[in-house]
C-alpha atoms as a PDB file:
ATOM      1  CA  MET A   1      99.055 111.274 128.807  1.00  0.00           C
ATOM      2  CA  SER A   2     101.523 111.144 126.088  1.00  0.00           C
ATOM      3  CA  ASN A   3     101.821 107.534 125.943  1.00  0.00           C
ATOM      4  CA  ILE A   4      99.128 104.989 125.389  1.00  0.00           C
ATOM      5  CA  PHE A   5     100.297 102.045 126.094  1.00  0.00           C
ATOM      6  CA  SER A   6     101.740 103.423 129.690  1.00  0.00           C
ATOM      7  CA  GLN A   7      98.175 101.990 132.011  1.00  0.00           C
ATOM      8  CA  ILE A   8      97.943  98.801 129.678  1.00  0.00           C
ATOM      9  CA  GLY A   9     100.209  96.403 131.360  1.00  0.00           C
ATOM     10  CA  ASN A  10     101.020  92.814 130.512  1.00  0.00           C
ATOM     11  CA  ILE A  11      98.127  91.933 127.785  1.00  0.00           C
ATOM     12  CA  ASP A  12      96.894  89.539 125.566  1.00  0.00           C
ATOM     13  CA  LEU A  13      96.829  91.593 121.764  1.00  0.00           C
ATOM     14  CA  GLU A  14      94.960  90.291 119.967  1.00  0.00           C
ATOM     15  CA  SER A  15      92.036  91.315 122.976  1.00  0.00           C
ATOM     16  CA  ALA A  16      93.487  93.987 123.683  1.00  0.00           C
ATOM     17  CA  PHE A  17      93.750  95.738 119.743  1.00  0.00           C
ATOM     18  CA  GLN A  18      91.086  92.827 118.168  1.00  0.00           C
ATOM     19  CA  ASN A  19      89.869  95.436 115.371  1.00  0.00           C
ATOM     20  CA  ALA A  20      90.774  98.735 113.906  1.00  0.00           C
ATOM     21  CA  ASP A  21      87.238 100.367 115.030  1.00  0.00           C
ATOM     22  CA  GLN A  22      88.462 100.143 118.547  1.00  0.00           C
ATOM     23  CA  CYS A  23      92.127 101.658 117.724  1.00  0.00           C
ATOM     24  CA  LEU A  24      90.039 104.350 116.162  1.00  0.00           C
ATOM     25  CA  GLU A  25      88.536 105.380 119.068  1.00  0.00           C
ATOM     26  CA  LEU A  26      91.204 104.578 121.435  1.00  0.00           C
ATOM     27  CA  LEU A  27      93.714 107.045 119.226  1.00  0.00           C
ATOM     28  CA  ALA A  28      90.337 109.905 119.096  1.00  0.00           C
ATOM     29  CA  ALA A  29      90.089 110.045 122.502  1.00  0.00           C
ATOM     30  CA  GLU A  30      93.771 110.649 122.786  1.00  0.00           C
ATOM     31  CA  LYS A  31      94.110 113.108 119.924  1.00  0.00           C
ATOM     32  CA  TRP A  32      91.004 115.000 121.230  1.00  0.00           C
ATOM     33  CA  LYS A  33      91.087 114.777 124.976  1.00  0.00           C
ATOM     34  CA  ASP A  34      91.629 118.333 125.245  1.00  0.00           C
ATOM     35  CA  GLY A  35      88.795 119.044 123.320  1.00  0.00           C
ATOM     36  CA  TYR A  36      88.674 119.984 118.931  1.00  0.00           C
ATOM     37  CA  ILE A  37      90.684 122.559 117.541  1.00  0.00           C
ATOM     38  CA  CYS A  38      90.445 122.885 113.920  1.00  0.00           C
ATOM     39  CA  ARG A  39      94.235 122.925 112.252  1.00  0.00           C
ATOM     40  CA  LYS A  40      92.762 125.101 108.756  1.00  0.00           C
ATOM     41  CA  CYS A  41      90.565 127.638 110.870  1.00  0.00           C
ATOM     42  CA  GLY A  42      91.009 127.338 114.491  1.00  0.00           C
ATOM     43  CA  ASN A  43      87.661 127.023 115.436  1.00  0.00           C
ATOM     44  CA  THR A  44      86.318 124.191 117.989  1.00  0.00           C
ATOM     45  CA  ASN A  45      83.045 123.022 117.511  1.00  0.00           C
ATOM     46  CA  TYR A  46      82.702 120.464 115.134  1.00  0.00           C
ATOM     47  CA  CYS A  47      80.034 117.805 113.656  1.00  0.00           C
ATOM     48  CA  SER A  48      81.081 114.061 112.734  1.00  0.00           C
ATOM     49  CA  GLY A  49      83.121 113.655 110.032  1.00  0.00           C
ATOM     50  CA  LYS A  50      82.722 111.453 107.067  1.00  0.00           C
ATOM     51  CA  THR A  51      84.125 108.492 108.550  1.00  0.00           C
ATOM     52  CA  LEU A  52      84.372 106.625 111.700  1.00  0.00           C
ATOM     53  CA  HIS A  53      85.902 108.922 114.819  1.00  0.00           C
ATOM     54  CA  SER A  54      86.723 111.612 112.026  1.00  0.00           C
ATOM     55  CA  ARG A  55      85.552 115.079 112.664  1.00  0.00           C
ATOM     56  CA  ARG A  56      84.599 117.722 110.218  1.00  0.00           C
ATOM     57  CA  CYS A  57      84.698 121.649 111.559  1.00  0.00           C
ATOM     58  CA  THR A  58      81.789 123.711 111.734  1.00  0.00           C
ATOM     59  CA  ARG A  59      83.038 126.801 110.144  1.00  0.00           C
ATOM     60  CA  CYS A  60      85.438 125.493 107.104  1.00  0.00           C
ATOM     61  CA  LYS A  61      83.972 122.212 106.433  1.00  0.00           C
ATOM     62  CA  HIS A  62      87.564 120.695 107.011  1.00  0.00           C
ATOM     63  CA  ASP A  63      87.179 116.725 107.831  1.00  0.00           C
ATOM     64  CA  GLU A  64      90.295 116.030 109.986  1.00  0.00           C
ATOM     65  CA  SER A  65      90.843 111.417 110.853  1.00  0.00           C
ATOM     66  CA  ALA A  66      91.698 110.056 113.941  1.00  0.00           C
ATOM     67  CA  THR A  67      94.906 109.169 112.616  1.00  0.00           C
ATOM     68  CA  ALA A  68      96.245 112.066 110.461  1.00  0.00           C
ATOM     69  CA  ASN A  69      98.963 114.396 111.980  1.00  0.00           C
ATOM     70  CA  THR A  70      99.777 111.352 114.121  1.00  0.00           C
ATOM     71  CA  ILE A  71     102.505 108.519 113.571  1.00  0.00           C
ATOM     72  CA  PHE A  72      99.800 106.479 112.574  1.00  0.00           C
ATOM     73  CA  HIS A  73      99.125 108.607 109.278  1.00  0.00           C
ATOM     74  CA  ARG A  74      99.331 107.491 106.283  1.00  0.00           C
ATOM     75  CA  CYS A  75      99.931 103.776 107.823  1.00  0.00           C
ATOM     76  CA  LYS A  76      99.707 101.073 105.584  1.00  0.00           C
ATOM     77  CA  ILE A  77      99.119  98.002 107.281  1.00  0.00           C
ATOM     78  CA  PRO A  78      95.795  98.151 109.407  1.00  0.00           C
ATOM     79  CA  LEU A  79      95.262 100.215 112.265  1.00  0.00           C
ATOM     80  CA  ASN A  80      95.584  96.773 114.866  1.00  0.00           C
ATOM     81  CA  GLU A  81      98.590  95.630 113.516  1.00  0.00           C
ATOM     82  CA  ALA A  82     100.445  98.983 113.852  1.00  0.00           C
ATOM     83  CA  PHE A  83      98.864  99.520 117.342  1.00  0.00           C
ATOM     84  CA  LYS A  84     100.469  96.311 118.338  1.00  0.00           C
ATOM     85  CA  ILE A  85     103.704  96.973 116.894  1.00  0.00           C
ATOM     86  CA  ALA A  86     103.553 100.033 118.742  1.00  0.00           C
ATOM     87  CA  TYR A  87     103.046  98.457 122.333  1.00  0.00           C
ATOM     88  CA  ILE A  88     105.712  95.751 121.609  1.00  0.00           C
ATOM     89  CA  VAL A  89     108.092  98.421 120.833  1.00  0.00           C
ATOM     90  CA  CYS A  90     107.046 100.709 123.480  1.00  0.00           C
ATOM     91  CA  ASN A  91     107.601  97.981 126.217  1.00  0.00           C
ATOM     92  CA  GLN A  92     110.050  95.799 124.674  1.00  0.00           C
ATOM     93  CA  PRO A  93     112.377  98.517 122.498  1.00  0.00           C
ATOM     94  CA  ASP A  94     115.360  95.910 122.171  1.00  0.00           C
ATOM     95  CA  ILE A  95     113.029  93.124 120.621  1.00  0.00           C
ATOM     96  CA  SER A  96     114.271  92.628 116.664  1.00  0.00           C
ATOM     97  CA  THR A  97     111.783  93.184 113.919  1.00  0.00           C
ATOM     98  CA  TYR A  98     112.634  89.518 112.626  1.00  0.00           C
ATOM     99  CA  ASP A  99     110.970  88.846 116.643  1.00  0.00           C
ATOM    100  CA  ILE A 100     108.217  91.037 115.533  1.00  0.00           C
ATOM    101  CA  SER A 101     107.322  89.608 111.995  1.00  0.00           C
ATOM    102  CA  ARG A 102     106.976  86.148 113.512  1.00  0.00           C
ATOM    103  CA  MET A 103     104.372  86.826 116.128  1.00  0.00           C
ATOM    104  CA  LEU A 104     102.534  89.479 114.130  1.00  0.00           C
ATOM    105  CA  LYS A 105     102.610  87.230 110.648  1.00  0.00           C
ATOM    106  CA  ILE A 106     103.910  89.977 109.145  1.00  0.00           C
ATOM    107  CA  ARG A 107     106.149  90.860 106.541  1.00  0.00           C
ATOM    108  CA  GLN A 108     109.763  91.988 108.391  1.00  0.00           C
ATOM    109  CA  MET A 109     110.341  94.797 106.144  1.00  0.00           C
ATOM    110  CA  THR A 110     106.834  96.181 106.914  1.00  0.00           C
ATOM    111  CA  CYS A 111     107.529  95.663 110.690  1.00  0.00           C
ATOM    112  CA  TRP A 112     110.878  97.600 110.242  1.00  0.00           C
ATOM    113  CA  LYS A 113     109.893 100.611 108.820  1.00  0.00           C
ATOM    114  CA  PHE A 114     106.948 100.838 111.337  1.00  0.00           C
ATOM    115  CA  LYS A 115     109.839 100.428 114.347  1.00  0.00           C
ATOM    116  CA  LYS A 116     111.700 103.053 112.669  1.00  0.00           C
ATOM    117  CA  ARG A 117     108.924 105.575 112.511  1.00  0.00           C
ATOM    118  CA  ILE A 118     108.678 104.601 116.439  1.00  0.00           C
ATOM    119  CA  SER A 119     111.801 104.619 117.917  1.00  0.00           C
ATOM    120  CA  GLU A 120     112.839 107.785 116.237  1.00  0.00           C
ATOM    121  CA  CYS A 121     109.570 109.297 118.292  1.00  0.00           C
ATOM    122  CA  LEU A 122     111.430 107.403 121.300  1.00  0.00           C
ATOM    123  CA  ASP A 123     114.897 108.724 120.723  1.00  0.00           C
ATOM    124  CA  LYS A 124     113.388 112.652 120.360  1.00  0.00           C
ATOM    125  CA  LYS A 125     111.155 113.064 123.215  1.00  0.00           C
ATOM    126  CA  GLY A 126     111.871 109.562 125.171  1.00  0.00           C
ATOM    127  CA  TYR A 127     108.472 108.569 125.342  1.00  0.00           C
ATOM    128  CA  PHE A 128     106.043 107.558 122.833  1.00  0.00           C
ATOM    129  CA  ASP A 129     103.629 110.077 121.545  1.00  0.00           C
ATOM    130  CA  VAL A 130     100.697 109.302 119.078  1.00  0.00           C
ATOM    131  CA  MET A 131     100.817 113.181 117.977  1.00  0.00           C
ATOM    132  CA  GLU A 132     103.852 113.379 117.113  1.00  0.00           C
ATOM    133  CA  MET A 133     104.423 113.834 113.347  1.00  0.00           C
ATOM    134  CA  PRO A 134     105.826 110.406 110.757  1.00  0.00           C
ATOM    135  CA  ASN A 135     108.936 112.099 109.138  1.00  0.00           C
ATOM    136  CA  SER A 136     107.643 109.888 105.716  1.00  0.00           C
END
């Protein structure tokens, strides 16, 4: 499932993405759905990492968060807000950032930057892939 929002129909954004933990859980499930492979050494064995839903390699001890190397990597806004923006942009690609800003009560420039990141992924692949590495 490359598009984590494909199975979600019309939803109430507040109930679907209530908190960052819920979004992290969804992101971790999508990221490691085919199993964990350490990016440093290639090992497939892991244990829980330092933070919620992160994984630590049992060989090299590399700790990888669920957001690392995804479109949500180094996201400055709360993860649940980023998920809301991603959901809105995936379902309404032509929506203006002013409308998103009013809906979510987030600064327009923040919405613009994250929409740009998502739109680049959509333009490049034709679908929203959370495993797409951000350009910035």
